[in-house]
Amino acid sequence: MCPECAHEWSKDPVADSAEDKLVVRDAYGNVLQDGDAVTVIKDLKVKGASSALKVGTKVKNIRLVEGDHNIDCKIDGIGAMKLKSEFVKKA
């Protein structure tokens, strides 16, 4: 128990790690996981690039990260970038 905030931790370390697990959902509410493939559902402007990311672009092998842009990926022809989960659907 924390003397300052009175938070109590469980004695089972597995229970603590289950609470800290990152849950990311796509635009339709499906849960995404590392390694999933997703499809872009909206044209997205890419800073520093002359073209946009088009609807229907398939992105393979995503990695979930903390933050506002919670999908880290590599897109053929564009390179490494971060996407928001609200603009993709699970493929």
N, C-alpha and C. Protein backbone atom coordinates (compact mmCIF):
# COMPACT_ATOMS: atom_id res chain seq x y z
N MET A 1 0.85 -1.19 0.00
CA MET A 1 0.00 0.00 0.00
C MET A 1 0.89 1.24 0.00
N CYS A 2 0.51 2.20 -0.80
CA CYS A 2 1.26 3.45 -0.89
C CYS A 2 0.83 4.37 0.25
N PRO A 3 1.79 4.87 1.03
CA PRO A 3 1.42 5.73 2.15
C PRO A 3 0.90 7.11 1.72
N GLU A 4 1.25 7.55 0.52
CA GLU A 4 0.82 8.87 0.08
C GLU A 4 -0.56 8.88 -0.56
N CYS A 5 -0.84 7.89 -1.42
CA CYS A 5 -2.12 7.92 -2.14
C CYS A 5 -3.06 6.78 -1.75
N ALA A 6 -2.62 5.85 -0.94
CA ALA A 6 -3.42 4.72 -0.47
C ALA A 6 -3.74 3.71 -1.56
N HIS A 7 -2.95 3.69 -2.64
CA HIS A 7 -3.14 2.69 -3.69
C HIS A 7 -2.65 1.34 -3.19
N GLU A 8 -3.42 0.29 -3.46
CA GLU A 8 -3.04 -1.05 -3.04
C GLU A 8 -2.75 -1.90 -4.27
N TRP A 9 -1.61 -2.57 -4.28
CA TRP A 9 -1.24 -3.47 -5.35
C TRP A 9 -1.58 -4.89 -4.95
N SER A 10 -1.91 -5.71 -5.92
CA SER A 10 -2.20 -7.11 -5.60
C SER A 10 -0.87 -7.86 -5.45
N LYS A 11 -0.90 -8.97 -4.76
CA LYS A 11 0.31 -9.76 -4.56
C LYS A 11 0.65 -10.59 -5.79
N ASP A 12 -0.32 -10.76 -6.68
CA ASP A 12 -0.13 -11.52 -7.91
C ASP A 12 0.40 -10.59 -9.00
N PRO A 13 1.65 -10.79 -9.48
CA PRO A 13 2.20 -9.88 -10.49
C PRO A 13 1.49 -9.98 -11.84
N VAL A 14 0.86 -11.10 -12.14
CA VAL A 14 0.15 -11.25 -13.41
C VAL A 14 -1.08 -10.35 -13.44
N ALA A 15 -1.76 -10.20 -12.34
CA ALA A 15 -2.95 -9.35 -12.27
C ALA A 15 -2.58 -7.89 -12.52
N ASP A 16 -1.44 -7.43 -12.01
CA ASP A 16 -1.01 -6.06 -12.23
C ASP A 16 -0.70 -5.81 -13.70
N SER A 17 -0.05 -6.74 -14.37
CA SER A 17 0.31 -6.53 -15.77
C SER A 17 -0.92 -6.54 -16.67
N ALA A 18 -1.97 -7.23 -16.29
CA ALA A 18 -3.19 -7.25 -17.10
C ALA A 18 -3.87 -5.88 -17.10
N GLU A 19 -3.76 -5.15 -15.99
CA GLU A 19 -4.37 -3.83 -15.91
C GLU A 19 -3.60 -2.82 -16.74
N ASP A 20 -2.29 -2.99 -16.88
CA ASP A 20 -1.44 -2.03 -17.58
C ASP A 20 -1.38 -2.27 -19.07
N LYS A 21 -2.01 -3.32 -19.57
CA LYS A 21 -1.92 -3.68 -20.98
C LYS A 21 -2.61 -2.63 -21.84
N LEU A 22 -1.96 -2.25 -22.94
CA LEU A 22 -2.47 -1.25 -23.86
C LEU A 22 -3.56 -1.87 -24.73
N VAL A 23 -4.73 -1.24 -24.77
CA VAL A 23 -5.83 -1.71 -25.61
C VAL A 23 -6.11 -0.62 -26.65
N VAL A 24 -5.94 -0.99 -27.92
CA VAL A 24 -6.16 -0.06 -29.02
C VAL A 24 -7.26 -0.64 -29.89
N ARG A 25 -8.23 0.20 -30.25
CA ARG A 25 -9.35 -0.24 -31.08
C ARG A 25 -9.35 0.54 -32.39
N ASP A 26 -9.78 -0.13 -33.46
CA ASP A 26 -9.86 0.53 -34.76
C ASP A 26 -11.14 1.38 -34.84
N ALA A 27 -11.43 1.93 -36.00
CA ALA A 27 -12.58 2.80 -36.17
C ALA A 27 -13.91 2.09 -35.91
N TYR A 28 -13.94 0.77 -36.03
CA TYR A 28 -15.17 0.00 -35.84
C TYR A 28 -15.23 -0.72 -34.50
N GLY A 29 -14.26 -0.47 -33.63
CA GLY A 29 -14.28 -1.05 -32.30
C GLY A 29 -13.57 -2.38 -32.16
N ASN A 30 -12.93 -2.88 -33.22
CA ASN A 30 -12.19 -4.13 -33.14
C ASN A 30 -10.87 -3.89 -32.41
N VAL A 31 -10.48 -4.81 -31.56
CA VAL A 31 -9.23 -4.69 -30.82
C VAL A 31 -8.06 -5.03 -31.74
N LEU A 32 -7.06 -4.14 -31.77
CA LEU A 32 -5.86 -4.34 -32.58
C LEU A 32 -4.75 -4.90 -31.71
N GLN A 33 -3.87 -5.68 -32.34
CA GLN A 33 -2.71 -6.26 -31.65
C GLN A 33 -1.47 -6.05 -32.51
N ASP A 34 -0.30 -6.15 -31.88
CA ASP A 34 0.95 -6.07 -32.63
C ASP A 34 0.98 -7.13 -33.71
N GLY A 35 1.41 -6.75 -34.92
CA GLY A 35 1.53 -7.68 -36.02
C GLY A 35 0.30 -7.77 -36.91
N ASP A 36 -0.79 -7.11 -36.52
CA ASP A 36 -2.00 -7.12 -37.34
C ASP A 36 -1.80 -6.36 -38.64
N ALA A 37 -2.68 -6.60 -39.58
CA ALA A 37 -2.73 -5.83 -40.82
C ALA A 37 -3.98 -4.95 -40.76
N VAL A 38 -3.85 -3.70 -41.19
CA VAL A 38 -4.97 -2.77 -41.16
C VAL A 38 -5.11 -2.10 -42.53
N THR A 39 -6.28 -1.54 -42.78
CA THR A 39 -6.57 -0.82 -44.02
C THR A 39 -6.98 0.60 -43.68
N VAL A 40 -6.46 1.57 -44.42
CA VAL A 40 -6.78 2.98 -44.20
C VAL A 40 -8.19 3.24 -44.72
N ILE A 41 -9.03 3.96 -43.94
CA ILE A 41 -10.42 4.19 -44.32
C ILE A 41 -10.68 5.63 -44.75
N LYS A 42 -9.65 6.47 -44.78
CA LYS A 42 -9.81 7.87 -45.14
C LYS A 42 -8.52 8.35 -45.79
N ASP A 43 -8.62 9.21 -46.81
CA ASP A 43 -7.42 9.80 -47.40
C ASP A 43 -6.72 10.64 -46.33
N LEU A 44 -5.42 10.41 -46.15
CA LEU A 44 -4.66 11.13 -45.13
C LEU A 44 -3.51 11.88 -45.78
N LYS A 45 -3.38 13.15 -45.46
CA LYS A 45 -2.26 13.94 -45.94
C LYS A 45 -1.01 13.53 -45.17
N VAL A 46 0.11 13.46 -45.88
CA VAL A 46 1.37 13.07 -45.25
C VAL A 46 2.29 14.28 -45.30
N LYS A 47 2.73 14.75 -44.13
CA LYS A 47 3.63 15.90 -44.08
C LYS A 47 4.94 15.55 -44.76
N GLY A 48 5.42 16.44 -45.61
CA GLY A 48 6.69 16.25 -46.28
C GLY A 48 6.63 15.38 -47.51
N ALA A 49 5.46 14.91 -47.87
CA ALA A 49 5.31 14.07 -49.06
C ALA A 49 4.38 14.77 -50.05
N SER A 50 4.62 14.54 -51.32
CA SER A 50 3.79 15.19 -52.34
C SER A 50 2.45 14.50 -52.54
N SER A 51 2.33 13.26 -52.10
CA SER A 51 1.07 12.54 -52.28
C SER A 51 0.43 12.22 -50.93
N ALA A 52 -0.82 11.84 -50.98
CA ALA A 52 -1.55 11.48 -49.77
C ALA A 52 -1.62 9.97 -49.64
N LEU A 53 -1.94 9.51 -48.46
CA LEU A 53 -2.17 8.09 -48.20
C LEU A 53 -3.63 7.83 -48.57
N LYS A 54 -3.87 6.99 -49.56
CA LYS A 54 -5.20 6.80 -50.13
C LYS A 54 -6.04 5.79 -49.35
N VAL A 55 -7.35 5.92 -49.50
CA VAL A 55 -8.29 4.96 -48.91
C VAL A 55 -7.99 3.58 -49.48
N GLY A 56 -8.01 2.58 -48.63
CA GLY A 56 -7.79 1.21 -49.08
C GLY A 56 -6.34 0.75 -49.01
N THR A 57 -5.44 1.65 -48.63
CA THR A 57 -4.03 1.26 -48.49
C THR A 57 -3.91 0.26 -47.35
N LYS A 58 -3.31 -0.89 -47.63
CA LYS A 58 -3.16 -1.93 -46.62
C LYS A 58 -1.80 -1.78 -45.96
N VAL A 59 -1.79 -1.81 -44.64
CA VAL A 59 -0.57 -1.68 -43.84
C VAL A 59 -0.41 -2.98 -43.06
N LYS A 60 0.74 -3.64 -43.26
CA LYS A 60 0.98 -4.92 -42.60
C LYS A 60 1.92 -4.74 -41.42
N ASN A 61 1.82 -5.67 -40.50
CA ASN A 61 2.75 -5.77 -39.37
C ASN A 61 2.85 -4.48 -38.57
N ILE A 62 1.72 -4.04 -38.00
CA ILE A 62 1.71 -2.82 -37.21
C ILE A 62 2.28 -3.07 -35.82
N ARG A 63 2.69 -2.00 -35.17
CA ARG A 63 3.16 -2.07 -33.79
C ARG A 63 2.40 -1.02 -33.00
N LEU A 64 1.85 -1.39 -31.85
CA LEU A 64 1.06 -0.48 -31.03
C LEU A 64 1.97 0.24 -30.05
N VAL A 65 1.77 1.55 -29.92
CA VAL A 65 2.58 2.37 -29.02
C VAL A 65 1.65 3.30 -28.24
N GLU A 66 2.16 3.88 -27.16
CA GLU A 66 1.42 4.85 -26.37
C GLU A 66 1.38 6.18 -27.10
N GLY A 67 0.36 6.97 -26.86
CA GLY A 67 0.29 8.31 -27.40
C GLY A 67 -0.91 8.54 -28.29
N ASP A 68 -0.95 9.74 -28.86
CA ASP A 68 -2.06 10.15 -29.72
C ASP A 68 -2.08 9.34 -31.02
N HIS A 69 -0.93 9.20 -31.65
CA HIS A 69 -0.78 8.37 -32.85
C HIS A 69 -0.28 7.01 -32.35
N ASN A 70 -1.20 6.08 -32.16
CA ASN A 70 -0.87 4.85 -31.44
C ASN A 70 -0.54 3.65 -32.31
N ILE A 71 -0.35 3.85 -33.62
CA ILE A 71 0.08 2.77 -34.51
C ILE A 71 1.37 3.19 -35.18
N ASP A 72 2.40 2.38 -35.01
CA ASP A 72 3.69 2.61 -35.64
C ASP A 72 3.82 1.58 -36.76
N CYS A 73 4.14 2.04 -37.99
CA CYS A 73 4.17 1.11 -39.12
C CYS A 73 5.14 1.60 -40.19
N LYS A 74 5.33 0.75 -41.18
CA LYS A 74 6.14 1.09 -42.34
C LYS A 74 5.27 0.85 -43.57
N ILE A 75 5.12 1.88 -44.41
CA ILE A 75 4.27 1.80 -45.59
C ILE A 75 5.14 1.84 -46.83
N ASP A 76 4.92 0.88 -47.75
CA ASP A 76 5.69 0.82 -48.98
C ASP A 76 5.52 2.11 -49.77
N GLY A 77 6.61 2.68 -50.23
CA GLY A 77 6.59 3.91 -51.02
C GLY A 77 6.61 5.18 -50.21
N ILE A 78 6.31 5.09 -48.91
CA ILE A 78 6.29 6.27 -48.05
C ILE A 78 7.34 6.14 -46.95
N GLY A 79 7.40 4.99 -46.30
CA GLY A 79 8.37 4.77 -45.23
C GLY A 79 7.70 4.63 -43.88
N ALA A 80 8.50 4.82 -42.84
CA ALA A 80 8.00 4.67 -41.48
C ALA A 80 7.13 5.86 -41.10
N MET A 81 6.02 5.58 -40.44
CA MET A 81 5.14 6.64 -39.98
C MET A 81 4.25 6.15 -38.85
N LYS A 82 3.57 7.08 -38.22
CA LYS A 82 2.63 6.77 -37.15
C LYS A 82 1.22 7.14 -37.63
N LEU A 83 0.24 6.31 -37.25
CA LEU A 83 -1.15 6.54 -37.63
C LEU A 83 -2.02 6.55 -36.39
N LYS A 84 -3.16 7.21 -36.49
CA LYS A 84 -4.15 7.14 -35.43
C LYS A 84 -5.06 5.95 -35.72
N SER A 85 -5.45 5.25 -34.69
CA SER A 85 -6.28 4.07 -34.86
C SER A 85 -7.68 4.40 -35.36
N GLU A 86 -8.11 5.62 -35.22
CA GLU A 86 -9.46 6.00 -35.66
C GLU A 86 -9.59 6.10 -37.17
N PHE A 87 -8.45 6.04 -37.90
CA PHE A 87 -8.47 6.12 -39.35
C PHE A 87 -8.17 4.80 -40.05
N VAL A 88 -8.20 3.70 -39.30
CA VAL A 88 -7.92 2.39 -39.89
C VAL A 88 -8.96 1.38 -39.46
N LYS A 89 -9.07 0.29 -40.22
CA LYS A 89 -9.90 -0.84 -39.83
C LYS A 89 -9.05 -2.10 -39.93
N LYS A 90 -9.38 -3.07 -39.11
CA LYS A 90 -8.63 -4.33 -39.11
C LYS A 90 -8.90 -5.07 -40.40
N ALA A 91 -7.83 -5.56 -41.02
CA ALA A 91 -7.97 -6.26 -42.32
C ALA A 91 -8.23 -7.74 -42.11
